C-alpha atoms as a PDB file:
ATOM      1  CA  UNK A   1       2.747  26.853 -15.154  1.00  0.00           C
ATOM      2  CA  UNK A   2       1.650  26.548 -11.517  1.00  0.00           C
ATOM      3  CA  UNK A   3       3.864  27.576  -8.556  1.00  0.00           C
ATOM      4  CA  UNK A   4       4.291  23.927  -7.701  1.00  0.00           C
ATOM      5  CA  UNK A   5       5.250  22.963 -11.233  1.00  0.00           C
ATOM      6  CA  UNK A   6       7.693  25.816 -11.442  1.00  0.00           C
ATOM      7  CA  UNK A   7       9.298  24.834  -8.140  1.00  0.00           C
ATOM      8  CA  UNK A   8       9.720  21.194  -9.174  1.00  0.00           C
ATOM      9  CA  UNK A   9      11.144  22.263 -12.494  1.00  0.00           C
ATOM     10  CA  UNK A  10      13.672  24.581 -10.892  1.00  0.00           C
ATOM     11  CA  UNK A  11      14.720  21.802  -8.514  1.00  0.00           C
ATOM     12  CA  UNK A  12      15.099  19.368 -11.393  1.00  0.00           C
ATOM     13  CA  UNK A  13      17.054  21.926 -13.455  1.00  0.00           C
ATOM     14  CA  UNK A  14      19.379  22.694 -10.542  1.00  0.00           C
ATOM     15  CA  UNK A  15      19.991  18.987 -10.033  1.00  0.00           C
ATOM     16  CA  UNK A  16      20.717  18.581 -13.737  1.00  0.00           C
ATOM     17  CA  UNK A  17      23.128  21.521 -13.601  1.00  0.00           C
ATOM     18  CA  UNK A  18      24.914  19.919 -10.669  1.00  0.00           C
ATOM     19  CA  UNK A  19      25.076  16.545 -12.432  1.00  0.00           C
ATOM     20  CA  UNK A  20      26.569  18.252 -15.529  1.00  0.00           C
ATOM     21  CA  UNK A  21      29.359  19.587 -13.371  1.00  0.00           C
ATOM     22  CA  UNK A  22      29.926  16.187 -11.652  1.00  0.00           C
ATOM     23  CA  UNK A  23      29.952  14.228 -14.989  1.00  0.00           C
ATOM     24  CA  UNK A  24      33.702  14.646 -15.180  1.00  0.00           C
ATOM     25  CA  UNK A  25      36.523  12.758 -13.634  1.00  0.00           C
ATOM     26  CA  UNK A  26      36.590  13.762  -9.962  1.00  0.00           C
ATOM     27  CA  UNK A  27      37.195  12.662  -6.391  1.00  0.00           C
ATOM     28  CA  UNK A  28      35.451   9.880  -4.526  1.00  0.00           C
ATOM     29  CA  UNK A  29      32.931  12.262  -2.934  1.00  0.00           C
ATOM     30  CA  UNK A  30      31.840  13.648  -6.304  1.00  0.00           C
ATOM     31  CA  UNK A  31      31.455  10.191  -7.853  1.00  0.00           C
ATOM     32  CA  UNK A  32      29.376   8.975  -4.898  1.00  0.00           C
ATOM     33  CA  UNK A  33      27.185  12.052  -4.990  1.00  0.00           C
ATOM     34  CA  UNK A  34      26.615  11.744  -8.761  1.00  0.00           C
ATOM     35  CA  UNK A  35      25.579   8.071  -8.425  1.00  0.00           C
ATOM     36  CA  UNK A  36      23.157   8.853  -5.549  1.00  0.00           C
ATOM     37  CA  UNK A  37      21.614  11.760  -7.416  1.00  0.00           C
ATOM     38  CA  UNK A  38      21.067   9.667 -10.558  1.00  0.00           C
ATOM     39  CA  UNK A  39      19.778   6.737  -8.566  1.00  0.00           C
ATOM     40  CA  UNK A  40      17.390   8.368  -6.116  1.00  0.00           C
ATOM     41  CA  UNK A  41      16.771  12.025  -6.942  1.00  0.00           C
ATOM     42  CA  UNK A  42      16.391  12.568 -10.610  1.00  0.00           C
ATOM     43  CA  UNK A  43      13.772   9.855 -11.282  1.00  0.00           C
ATOM     44  CA  UNK A  44      11.483  10.731  -8.375  1.00  0.00           C
ATOM     45  CA  UNK A  45      11.760  14.414  -9.354  1.00  0.00           C
ATOM     46  CA  UNK A  46      10.680  13.608 -12.884  1.00  0.00           C
ATOM     47  CA  UNK A  47       7.702  11.651 -11.491  1.00  0.00           C
ATOM     48  CA  UNK A  48       6.793  14.602  -9.280  1.00  0.00           C
ATOM     49  CA  UNK A  49       7.002  16.889 -12.263  1.00  0.00           C
ATOM     50  CA  UNK A  50       4.864  14.505 -14.366  1.00  0.00           C
ATOM     51  CA  UNK A  51       7.426  14.463 -17.175  1.00  0.00           C
ATOM     52  CA  UNK A  52       8.764  11.478 -19.181  1.00  0.00           C
ATOM     53  CA  UNK A  53      11.985  10.095 -17.805  1.00  0.00           C
ATOM     54  CA  UNK A  54      14.729  11.902 -19.603  1.00  0.00           C
ATOM     55  CA  UNK A  55      17.312  10.089 -17.558  1.00  0.00           C
ATOM     56  CA  UNK A  56      17.368   6.270 -17.774  1.00  0.00           C
ATOM     57  CA  UNK A  57      19.215   5.272 -14.574  1.00  0.00           C
ATOM     58  CA  UNK A  58      20.255   2.006 -16.253  1.00  0.00           C
ATOM     59  CA  UNK A  59      22.267   3.944 -18.798  1.00  0.00           C
ATOM     60  CA  UNK A  60      24.680   5.213 -16.149  1.00  0.00           C
ATOM     61  CA  UNK A  61      27.555   3.267 -14.739  1.00  0.00           C
ATOM     62  CA  UNK A  62      26.185   3.090 -11.227  1.00  0.00           C
ATOM     63  CA  UNK A  63      28.020   0.753  -8.880  1.00  0.00           C
ATOM     64  CA  UNK A  64      26.046  -2.083  -7.307  1.00  0.00           C
ATOM     65  CA  UNK A  65      26.605  -0.498  -3.945  1.00  0.00           C
ATOM     66  CA  UNK A  66      27.782   2.874  -2.751  1.00  0.00           C
ATOM     67  CA  UNK A  67      30.061   4.072   0.024  1.00  0.00           C
ATOM     68  CA  UNK A  68      28.752   6.810   2.328  1.00  0.00           C
ATOM     69  CA  UNK A  69      29.918  10.306   1.571  1.00  0.00           C
ATOM     70  CA  UNK A  70      32.471  11.729   3.946  1.00  0.00           C
ATOM     71  CA  UNK A  71      32.165  15.138   5.593  1.00  0.00           C
ATOM     72  CA  UNK A  72      34.091  18.105   4.296  1.00  0.00           C
ATOM     73  CA  UNK A  73      36.667  19.593   6.637  1.00  0.00           C
ATOM     74  CA  UNK A  74      37.072  23.312   7.152  1.00  0.00           C
ATOM     75  CA  UNK A  75      40.717  22.727   7.886  1.00  0.00           C
ATOM     76  CA  UNK A  76      41.700  20.373   5.057  1.00  0.00           C
ATOM     77  CA  UNK A  77      38.754  20.079   2.658  1.00  0.00           C
ATOM     78  CA  UNK A  78      39.320  21.178  -0.874  1.00  0.00           C
ATOM     79  CA  UNK A  79      37.382  24.091  -2.289  1.00  0.00           C
ATOM     80  CA  UNK A  80      35.562  21.773  -4.669  1.00  0.00           C
ATOM     81  CA  UNK A  81      34.287  19.569  -1.895  1.00  0.00           C
ATOM     82  CA  UNK A  82      33.145  22.594   0.112  1.00  0.00           C
ATOM     83  CA  UNK A  83      31.362  24.002  -2.890  1.00  0.00           C
ATOM     84  CA  UNK A  84      29.747  20.588  -3.551  1.00  0.00           C
ATOM     85  CA  UNK A  85      28.572  20.509   0.013  1.00  0.00           C
ATOM     86  CA  UNK A  86      27.072  24.001  -0.210  1.00  0.00           C
ATOM     87  CA  UNK A  87      25.222  23.216  -3.512  1.00  0.00           C
ATOM     88  CA  UNK A  88      23.788  20.033  -1.977  1.00  0.00           C
ATOM     89  CA  UNK A  89      22.646  21.987   1.041  1.00  0.00           C
ATOM     90  CA  UNK A  90      20.754  24.450  -1.180  1.00  0.00           C
ATOM     91  CA  UNK A  91      19.107  21.564  -3.038  1.00  0.00           C
ATOM     92  CA  UNK A  92      18.225  19.825   0.244  1.00  0.00           C
ATOM     93  CA  UNK A  93      16.714  22.916   1.766  1.00  0.00           C
ATOM     94  CA  UNK A  94      14.666  23.648  -1.346  1.00  0.00           C
ATOM     95  CA  UNK A  95      13.437  20.054  -1.626  1.00  0.00           C
ATOM     96  CA  UNK A  96      12.513  20.011   2.086  1.00  0.00           C
ATOM     97  CA  UNK A  97      10.543  23.198   1.810  1.00  0.00           C
ATOM     98  CA  UNK A  98       8.706  21.955  -1.277  1.00  0.00           C
ATOM     99  CA  UNK A  99       7.922  18.597   0.327  1.00  0.00           C
ATOM    100  CA  UNK A 100       6.468  20.299   3.421  1.00  0.00           C
ATOM    101  CA  UNK A 101       4.214  22.357   1.142  1.00  0.00           C
ATOM    102  CA  UNK A 102       3.166  19.338  -0.967  1.00  0.00           C
ATOM    103  CA  UNK A 103       3.007  16.404   1.449  1.00  0.00           C
ATOM    104  CA  UNK A 104       0.513  14.658  -0.875  1.00  0.00           C
ATOM    105  CA  UNK A 105       3.315  14.180  -3.476  1.00  0.00           C
ATOM    106  CA  UNK A 106       5.217  11.144  -2.058  1.00  0.00           C
ATOM    107  CA  UNK A 107       8.073  11.338  -4.557  1.00  0.00           C
ATOM    108  CA  UNK A 108       9.174  14.656  -3.046  1.00  0.00           C
ATOM    109  CA  UNK A 109       9.697  12.861   0.232  1.00  0.00           C
ATOM    110  CA  UNK A 110      12.214  10.475  -1.346  1.00  0.00           C
ATOM    111  CA  UNK A 111      14.009  13.387  -3.057  1.00  0.00           C
ATOM    112  CA  UNK A 112      14.237  15.474   0.073  1.00  0.00           C
ATOM    113  CA  UNK A 113      15.406  12.497   2.254  1.00  0.00           C
ATOM    114  CA  UNK A 114      18.210  11.624  -0.110  1.00  0.00           C
ATOM    115  CA  UNK A 115      19.324  15.219  -0.480  1.00  0.00           C
ATOM    116  CA  UNK A 116      19.259  15.677   3.271  1.00  0.00           C
ATOM    117  CA  UNK A 117      21.427  12.589   3.728  1.00  0.00           C
ATOM    118  CA  UNK A 118      23.906  13.719   1.097  1.00  0.00           C
ATOM    119  CA  UNK A 119      24.081  17.295   2.264  1.00  0.00           C
ATOM    120  CA  UNK A 120      24.407  16.499   5.962  1.00  0.00           C
ATOM    121  CA  UNK A 121      26.801  13.603   5.280  1.00  0.00           C
ATOM    122  CA  UNK A 122      29.226  15.977   3.579  1.00  0.00           C
ATOM    123  CA  UNK A 123      28.618  18.973   5.886  1.00  0.00           C
ATOM    124  CA  UNK A 124      31.493  20.367   7.882  1.00  0.00           C
ATOM    125  CA  UNK A 125      30.878  19.631  11.573  1.00  0.00           C
ATOM    126  CA  UNK A 126      31.003  23.338  12.203  1.00  0.00           C
ATOM    127  CA  UNK A 127      27.712  23.914  10.232  1.00  0.00           C
ATOM    128  CA  UNK A 128      26.106  20.491  10.431  1.00  0.00           C
ATOM    129  CA  UNK A 129      24.249  21.012  13.704  1.00  0.00           C
ATOM    130  CA  UNK A 130      22.712  24.318  12.597  1.00  0.00           C
ATOM    131  CA  UNK A 131      21.638  22.785   9.272  1.00  0.00           C
ATOM    132  CA  UNK A 132      19.971  19.829  10.935  1.00  0.00           C
ATOM    133  CA  UNK A 133      18.099  22.285  13.209  1.00  0.00           C
ATOM    134  CA  UNK A 134      16.981  24.338  10.153  1.00  0.00           C
ATOM    135  CA  UNK A 135      15.632  21.272   8.392  1.00  0.00           C
ATOM    136  CA  UNK A 136      13.911  20.157  11.608  1.00  0.00           C
ATOM    137  CA  UNK A 137      12.262  23.571  11.919  1.00  0.00           C
ATOM    138  CA  UNK A 138      10.977  23.394   8.346  1.00  0.00           C
ATOM    139  CA  UNK A 139       9.363  19.975   9.188  1.00  0.00           C
ATOM    140  CA  UNK A 140       8.093  20.939  12.592  1.00  0.00           C
ATOM    141  CA  UNK A 141       4.471  20.747  11.484  1.00  0.00           C
ATOM    142  CA  UNK A 142       4.786  17.303   9.943  1.00  0.00           C
ATOM    143  CA  UNK A 143       3.603  14.274  11.879  1.00  0.00           C
ATOM    144  CA  UNK A 144       6.052  11.614  12.851  1.00  0.00           C
ATOM    145  CA  UNK A 145       5.411   8.628  10.587  1.00  0.00           C
ATOM    146  CA  UNK A 146       6.819   5.888   8.408  1.00  0.00           C
ATOM    147  CA  UNK A 147       5.632   6.001   4.779  1.00  0.00           C
ATOM    148  CA  UNK A 148       6.005   2.816   2.776  1.00  0.00           C
ATOM    149  CA  UNK A 149       6.843   3.975  -0.754  1.00  0.00           C
ATOM    150  CA  UNK A 150       5.630   1.759  -3.675  1.00  0.00           C
ATOM    151  CA  UNK A 151       8.616  -0.165  -4.993  1.00  0.00           C
ATOM    152  CA  UNK A 152      10.829   2.148  -2.964  1.00  0.00           C
ATOM    153  CA  UNK A 153      12.132   2.871   0.620  1.00  0.00           C
ATOM    154  CA  UNK A 154      10.532   3.670   3.857  1.00  0.00           C
ATOM    155  CA  UNK A 155      10.346   7.445   4.394  1.00  0.00           C
ATOM    156  CA  UNK A 156      10.659   8.256   8.072  1.00  0.00           C
ATOM    157  CA  UNK A 157       9.555  11.771   8.988  1.00  0.00           C
ATOM    158  CA  UNK A 158      10.935  13.334  12.204  1.00  0.00           C
ATOM    159  CA  UNK A 159      12.474  10.127  13.667  1.00  0.00           C
ATOM    160  CA  UNK A 160      13.251  10.513  17.362  1.00  0.00           C
ATOM    161  CA  UNK A 161      15.138   7.298  18.144  1.00  0.00           C
ATOM    162  CA  UNK A 162      16.945   4.914  15.771  1.00  0.00           C
ATOM    163  CA  UNK A 163      19.035   2.121  17.229  1.00  0.00           C
ATOM    164  CA  UNK A 164      21.098  -0.800  16.110  1.00  0.00           C
ATOM    165  CA  UNK A 165      20.597  -4.321  17.509  1.00  0.00           C
ATOM    166  CA  UNK A 166      22.795  -3.503  20.528  1.00  0.00           C
ATOM    167  CA  UNK A 167      20.816  -0.447  21.418  1.00  0.00           C
ATOM    168  CA  UNK A 168      23.515   1.938  20.131  1.00  0.00           C
ATOM    169  CA  UNK A 169      21.946   5.138  18.656  1.00  0.00           C
ATOM    170  CA  UNK A 170      22.214   5.686  14.915  1.00  0.00           C
ATOM    171  CA  UNK A 171      22.455   9.258  13.754  1.00  0.00           C
ATOM    172  CA  UNK A 172      19.138  10.507  12.316  1.00  0.00           C
ATOM    173  CA  UNK A 173      18.078  13.209   9.820  1.00  0.00           C
ATOM    174  CA  UNK A 174      14.877  15.128  10.010  1.00  0.00           C
ATOM    175  CA  UNK A 175      13.756  13.041   7.002  1.00  0.00           C
ATOM    176  CA  UNK A 176      15.189   9.583   6.262  1.00  0.00           C
ATOM    177  CA  UNK A 177      14.859   7.017   3.511  1.00  0.00           C
ATOM    178  CA  UNK A 178      15.434   3.550   4.966  1.00  0.00           C
ATOM    179  CA  UNK A 179      16.363   0.634   2.675  1.00  0.00           C
ATOM    180  CA  UNK A 180      13.665  -2.043   2.307  1.00  0.00           C
ATOM    181  CA  UNK A 181      14.996  -4.038  -0.690  1.00  0.00           C
ATOM    182  CA  UNK A 182      18.023  -5.377   1.131  1.00  0.00           C
ATOM    183  CA  UNK A 183      20.519  -4.287  -1.553  1.00  0.00           C
ATOM    184  CA  UNK A 184      21.633  -0.863  -0.420  1.00  0.00           C
ATOM    185  CA  UNK A 185      25.322  -0.390   0.110  1.00  0.00           C
ATOM    186  CA  UNK A 186      24.892   2.025   2.923  1.00  0.00           C
ATOM    187  CA  UNK A 187      22.234   0.294   5.073  1.00  0.00           C
ATOM    188  CA  UNK A 188      20.094   1.203   6.799  1.00  0.00           C
ATOM    189  CA  UNK A 189      19.933   4.232   4.470  1.00  0.00           C
ATOM    190  CA  UNK A 190      18.492   3.760   0.988  1.00  0.00           C
ATOM    191  CA  UNK A 191      20.931   4.525  -1.914  1.00  0.00           C
ATOM    192  CA  UNK A 192      18.503   3.942  -4.748  1.00  0.00           C
ATOM    193  CA  UNK A 193      19.288   0.274  -5.163  1.00  0.00           C
ATOM    194  CA  UNK A 194      15.565  -0.454  -5.145  1.00  0.00           C
ATOM    195  CA  UNK A 195      15.217   1.444  -8.411  1.00  0.00           C
ATOM    196  CA  UNK A 196      18.304  -0.230  -9.969  1.00  0.00           C
ATOM    197  CA  UNK A 197      17.129  -3.788  -9.245  1.00  0.00           C
ATOM    198  CA  UNK A 198      13.414  -3.302 -10.084  1.00  0.00           C
ATOM    199  CA  UNK A 199      12.371  -4.008  -6.481  1.00  0.00           C
ATOM    200  CA  UNK A 200       8.611  -4.813  -6.013  1.00  0.00           C
ATOM    201  CA  UNK A 201       6.655  -4.183  -2.830  1.00  0.00           C
ATOM    202  CA  UNK A 202       3.771  -6.454  -3.796  1.00  0.00           C
ATOM    203  CA  UNK A 203       2.581  -9.075  -1.320  1.00  0.00           C
ATOM    204  CA  UNK A 204       3.049 -12.767  -2.231  1.00  0.00           C
ATOM    205  CA  UNK A 205      -0.271 -14.454  -2.991  1.00  0.00           C
ATOM    206  CA  UNK A 206       1.137 -17.572  -1.309  1.00  0.00           C
ATOM    207  CA  UNK A 207       1.723 -15.843   2.020  1.00  0.00           C
ATOM    208  CA  UNK A 208       0.436 -17.268   5.251  1.00  0.00           C
ATOM    209  CA  UNK A 209      -3.349 -16.534   5.458  1.00  0.00           C
ATOM    210  CA  UNK A 210      -4.620 -13.728   7.600  1.00  0.00           C
ATOM    211  CA  UNK A 211      -6.378 -15.715  10.314  1.00  0.00           C
ATOM    212  CA  UNK A 212      -6.530 -15.055  14.025  1.00  0.00           C
ATOM    213  CA  UNK A 213      -6.693 -18.118  16.289  1.00  0.00           C
ATOM    214  CA  UNK A 214      -7.677 -18.352  19.943  1.00  0.00           C
ATOM    215  CA  UNK A 215      -6.011 -20.763  22.401  1.00  0.00           C
ATOM    216  CA  UNK A 216      -7.990 -21.071  25.546  1.00  0.00           C
ATOM    217  CA  UNK A 217      -6.307 -21.895  28.849  1.00  0.00           C
ATOM    218  CA  UNK A 218      -7.419 -22.086  32.459  1.00  0.00           C
ATOM    219  CA  UNK A 219      -6.553 -18.469  33.291  1.00  0.00           C
ATOM    220  CA  UNK A 220      -5.870 -16.765  30.013  1.00  0.00           C
ATOM    221  CA  UNK A 221      -6.711 -17.055  26.298  1.00  0.00           C
ATOM    222  CA  UNK A 222      -3.790 -16.391  23.930  1.00  0.00           C
ATOM    223  CA  UNK A 223      -4.620 -14.844  20.522  1.00  0.00           C
ATOM    224  CA  UNK A 224      -2.304 -15.352  17.591  1.00  0.00           C
ATOM    225  CA  UNK A 225      -2.189 -14.627  13.871  1.00  0.00           C
ATOM    226  CA  UNK A 226       0.403 -16.707  12.013  1.00  0.00           C
ATOM    227  CA  UNK A 227      -0.003 -14.413   9.013  1.00  0.00           C
ATOM    228  CA  UNK A 228       1.594 -11.560  11.057  1.00  0.00           C
ATOM    229  CA  UNK A 229       4.384 -13.504  12.756  1.00  0.00           C
ATOM    230  CA  UNK A 230       7.984 -12.565  11.814  1.00  0.00           C
ATOM    231  CA  UNK A 231       9.380 -15.746  13.359  1.00  0.00           C
ATOM    232  CA  UNK A 232      11.833 -14.110  15.727  1.00  0.00           C
ATOM    233  CA  UNK A 233      11.595 -17.151  18.018  1.00  0.00           C
ATOM    234  CA  UNK A 234      11.242 -15.052  21.182  1.00  0.00           C
ATOM    235  CA  UNK A 235       8.133 -16.874  22.297  1.00  0.00           C
ATOM    236  CA  UNK A 236       9.260 -20.461  21.410  1.00  0.00           C
ATOM    237  CA  UNK A 237      12.804 -19.906  22.714  1.00  0.00           C
ATOM    238  CA  UNK A 238      11.817 -18.277  25.979  1.00  0.00           C
ATOM    239  CA  UNK A 239       8.681 -20.174  26.872  1.00  0.00           C
ATOM    240  CA  UNK A 240       8.811 -23.540  25.128  1.00  0.00           C
ATOM    241  CA  UNK A 241       6.295 -25.062  27.565  1.00  0.00           C
ATOM    242  CA  UNK A 242       3.584 -22.766  26.059  1.00  0.00           C
ATOM    243  CA  UNK A 243       4.764 -21.954  22.483  1.00  0.00           C
ATOM    244  CA  UNK A 244       5.690 -25.076  20.499  1.00  0.00           C
ATOM    245  CA  UNK A 245       7.899 -24.719  17.424  1.00  0.00           C
ATOM    246  CA  UNK A 246       6.687 -26.907  14.539  1.00  0.00           C
ATOM    247  CA  UNK A 247       3.972 -28.566  16.623  1.00  0.00           C
ATOM    248  CA  UNK A 248       0.181 -28.437  16.934  1.00  0.00           C
ATOM    249  CA  UNK A 249      -1.387 -26.939  18.767  1.00  0.00           C
ATOM    250  CA  UNK A 250       1.104 -24.125  18.522  1.00  0.00           C
ATOM    251  CA  UNK A 251       0.058 -22.677  21.908  1.00  0.00           C
ATOM    252  CA  UNK A 252      -1.006 -24.393  25.125  1.00  0.00           C
ATOM    253  CA  UNK A 253      -1.689 -21.617  27.595  1.00  0.00           C
ATOM    254  CA  UNK A 254      -1.972 -23.997  30.566  1.00  0.00           C
ATOM    255  CA  UNK A 255       1.744 -24.882  30.163  1.00  0.00           C
ATOM    256  CA  UNK A 256       3.010 -21.700  31.811  1.00  0.00           C
ATOM    257  CA  UNK A 257       2.362 -19.170  34.488  1.00  0.00           C
ATOM    258  CA  UNK A 258       0.198 -16.150  33.676  1.00  0.00           C
ATOM    259  CA  UNK A 259       3.012 -13.668  34.212  1.00  0.00           C
ATOM    260  CA  UNK A 260       5.299 -15.681  31.872  1.00  0.00           C
ATOM    261  CA  UNK A 261       2.666 -15.760  29.095  1.00  0.00           C
ATOM    262  CA  UNK A 262       1.915 -11.999  29.428  1.00  0.00           C
ATOM    263  CA  UNK A 263       5.621 -11.230  29.205  1.00  0.00           C
ATOM    264  CA  UNK A 264       6.058 -13.413  26.064  1.00  0.00           C
ATOM    265  CA  UNK A 265       2.995 -11.862  24.421  1.00  0.00           C
ATOM    266  CA  UNK A 266       4.229  -8.323  25.079  1.00  0.00           C
ATOM    267  CA  UNK A 267       7.703  -9.123  23.852  1.00  0.00           C
ATOM    268  CA  UNK A 268       6.400 -10.351  20.426  1.00  0.00           C
ATOM    269  CA  UNK A 269       8.086  -7.881  18.066  1.00  0.00           C
ATOM    270  CA  UNK A 270       5.656  -8.441  15.159  1.00  0.00           C
ATOM    271  CA  UNK A 271       2.497  -7.725  17.128  1.00  0.00           C
ATOM    272  CA  UNK A 272       1.036 -11.081  16.103  1.00  0.00           C
ATOM    273  CA  UNK A 273       0.227 -12.062  19.728  1.00  0.00           C
ATOM    274  CA  UNK A 274      -2.285 -10.811  22.265  1.00  0.00           C
ATOM    275  CA  UNK A 275      -4.146 -12.223  25.196  1.00  0.00           C
ATOM    276  CA  UNK A 276      -7.646 -12.056  26.715  1.00  0.00           C
ATOM    277  CA  UNK A 277      -8.963 -12.422  30.235  1.00  0.00           C
ATOM    278  CA  UNK A 278     -12.618 -13.540  30.632  1.00  0.00           C
ATOM    279  CA  UNK A 279     -13.050 -13.174  26.914  1.00  0.00           C
ATOM    280  CA  UNK A 280     -11.962  -9.460  27.043  1.00  0.00           C
ATOM    281  CA  UNK A 281      -8.814  -8.737  25.052  1.00  0.00           C
ATOM    282  CA  UNK A 282      -6.137  -6.862  27.033  1.00  0.00           C
ATOM    283  CA  UNK A 283      -5.028  -4.791  24.100  1.00  0.00           C
ATOM    284  CA  UNK A 284      -3.944  -1.770  26.134  1.00  0.00           C
ATOM    285  CA  UNK A 285      -1.757  -3.861  28.427  1.00  0.00           C
ATOM    286  CA  UNK A 286      -0.231  -5.739  25.454  1.00  0.00           C
ATOM    287  CA  UNK A 287       0.649  -2.319  23.922  1.00  0.00           C
ATOM    288  CA  UNK A 288       2.338  -1.057  27.043  1.00  0.00           C
ATOM    289  CA  UNK A 289      -0.483   1.415  27.715  1.00  0.00           C
ATOM    290  CA  UNK A 290       0.999   3.688  25.070  1.00  0.00           C
ATOM    291  CA  UNK A 291       3.956   4.513  27.311  1.00  0.00           C
ATOM    292  CA  UNK A 292       6.841   3.450  25.161  1.00  0.00           C
ATOM    293  CA  UNK A 293       8.907   5.981  23.290  1.00  0.00           C
ATOM    294  CA  UNK A 294       8.612   5.958  19.498  1.00  0.00           C
ATOM    295  CA  UNK A 295      11.681   4.049  18.290  1.00  0.00           C
ATOM    296  CA  UNK A 296      12.984   2.016  15.411  1.00  0.00           C
ATOM    297  CA  UNK A 297      15.497  -0.816  15.974  1.00  0.00           C
ATOM    298  CA  UNK A 298      17.559  -2.098  13.062  1.00  0.00           C
ATOM    299  CA  UNK A 299      17.763  -5.683  14.129  1.00  0.00           C
ATOM    300  CA  UNK A 300      20.716  -7.864  13.263  1.00  0.00           C
ATOM    301  CA  UNK A 301      20.135  -9.596   9.964  1.00  0.00           C
ATOM    302  CA  UNK A 302      16.443  -9.030  10.523  1.00  0.00           C
ATOM    303  CA  UNK A 303      13.623  -6.459  10.193  1.00  0.00           C
ATOM    304  CA  UNK A 304      13.100  -2.971  11.512  1.00  0.00           C
ATOM    305  CA  UNK A 305      11.402  -3.372  14.861  1.00  0.00           C
ATOM    306  CA  UNK A 306       9.088  -0.446  15.507  1.00  0.00           C
ATOM    307  CA  UNK A 307       7.730   0.434  18.897  1.00  0.00           C
ATOM    308  CA  UNK A 308       5.843   3.321  20.432  1.00  0.00           C
ATOM    309  CA  UNK A 309       2.994   3.472  17.967  1.00  0.00           C
ATOM    310  CA  UNK A 310       4.745   5.254  15.062  1.00  0.00           C
ATOM    311  CA  UNK A 311       2.102   5.657  12.361  1.00  0.00           C
ATOM    312  CA  UNK A 312       2.642   3.503   9.234  1.00  0.00           C
ATOM    313  CA  UNK A 313       1.107   4.987   6.065  1.00  0.00           C
ATOM    314  CA  UNK A 314       1.101   4.311   2.379  1.00  0.00           C
ATOM    315  CA  UNK A 315       2.072   6.674  -0.436  1.00  0.00           C
ATOM    316  CA  UNK A 316      -1.316   8.439  -0.252  1.00  0.00           C
ATOM    317  CA  UNK A 317      -0.979   8.978   3.510  1.00  0.00           C
ATOM    318  CA  UNK A 318      -3.594   6.406   4.468  1.00  0.00           C
ATOM    319  CA  UNK A 319      -2.944   3.850   7.245  1.00  0.00           C
ATOM    320  CA  UNK A 320      -1.403   0.642   5.945  1.00  0.00           C
ATOM    321  CA  UNK A 321      -3.827  -2.222   6.280  1.00  0.00           C
ATOM    322  CA  UNK A 322      -2.903  -4.766   9.008  1.00  0.00           C
ATOM    323  CA  UNK A 323      -3.857  -8.358   9.547  1.00  0.00           C
ATOM    324  CA  UNK A 324      -6.597  -9.124  12.068  1.00  0.00           C
ATOM    325  CA  UNK A 325      -5.557  -8.345  15.635  1.00  0.00           C
ATOM    326  CA  UNK A 326      -2.142  -6.956  14.706  1.00  0.00           C
ATOM    327  CA  UNK A 327      -0.714  -4.357  17.016  1.00  0.00           C
ATOM    328  CA  UNK A 328      -0.293  -0.760  15.796  1.00  0.00           C
ATOM    329  CA  UNK A 329       1.980  -0.014  18.768  1.00  0.00           C
ATOM    330  CA  UNK A 330       4.687  -2.506  17.780  1.00  0.00           C
ATOM    331  CA  UNK A 331       5.414  -4.211  14.465  1.00  0.00           C
ATOM    332  CA  UNK A 332       8.200  -5.498  12.318  1.00  0.00           C
ATOM    333  CA  UNK A 333       8.960  -4.181   8.826  1.00  0.00           C
ATOM    334  CA  UNK A 334      10.809  -6.138   6.161  1.00  0.00           C
ATOM    335  CA  UNK A 335      14.224  -4.902   5.161  1.00  0.00           C
ATOM    336  CA  UNK A 336      15.531  -7.928   3.215  1.00  0.00           C
ATOM    337  CA  UNK A 337      13.131  -7.366   0.306  1.00  0.00           C
ATOM    338  CA  UNK A 338      11.781 -10.959   0.347  1.00  0.00           C
ATOM    339  CA  UNK A 339       8.879 -10.855   2.800  1.00  0.00           C
ATOM    340  CA  UNK A 340       5.679 -12.544   1.642  1.00  0.00           C
ATOM    341  CA  UNK A 341       3.680  -9.988   3.611  1.00  0.00           C
ATOM    342  CA  UNK A 342       5.302  -6.650   2.663  1.00  0.00           C
ATOM    343  CA  UNK A 343       5.760  -4.157   4.154  1.00  0.00           C
ATOM    344  CA  UNK A 344       5.684  -6.420   7.243  1.00  0.00           C
ATOM    345  CA  UNK A 345       8.313  -9.003   7.914  1.00  0.00           C
ATOM    346  CA  UNK A 346       7.308 -12.672   7.358  1.00  0.00           C
ATOM    347  CA  UNK A 347      10.604 -14.219   8.496  1.00  0.00           C
ATOM    348  CA  UNK A 348      12.017 -14.828   4.956  1.00  0.00           C
ATOM    349  CA  UNK A 349      15.370 -13.371   5.987  1.00  0.00           C
END
């Protein structure tokens, strides 16, 4: 048995041992942890180990949604909860170390992300900060990226800024699994619902075609790919004299001032729009000259809006293919599970 196989097997055995202890009537924290481990840790670990699934997640009475685990308290927490927290921490640290050594095994990322969320969610505030720092140090050599897992969540490595739709910061972990099926009970964090419902990340063959159109005006040419659009309405709502909802032609560049058009193009969250001057595309200007901080916004009842050029990769670590002309600096990722152009949002929400 190789060192890798042995490490995965030990992690799986330790998780099984923990589940055996939790498979008894217990408190809310124990029940929530058991459901999360069965939903999002055991299966991916078995895949990483290359073993047949000994645990059928459908056989367990998992709730359709889960409540977030609550932190233990050094002043009032029971010994069992503190012990649970410590065992989860050991699993999270081991999984993170293994994932950093075996980045080419995507399932380990999902395992580590879920264990980090569980361990840090239960951690006493007195130790939480130091544990976050330890996990961040383990991952210090890993590039910041979003990895779109097949039929699973988005794995975000070393996120710097995560906000809600009002710009309020959301607490981050060094490694996070973000829901993309729309069914998690603890959004934006994945709770394994994607596995429970049989979520598919396949693109819809009936999606809007990948075609880039040019709309020539007197001073500027606007470039647009309807196959990339997430239909936020920012362009049509803010500059209706240029961008015409439900009409053809969709864009008439001569209907607005140059500065208004440039602002509308740069504000397009999906990256579908661009512009050209004298037939030369102004890609760098559209992409804010690479000056925006890497950030993810969890929009209200809409997609993840990514800015700052965070790399988007597939399970093998290769760049996810984009439609013609799509921006790599800003893009919108589906989080309702119904996009026709997964992983990108197509406005189906």
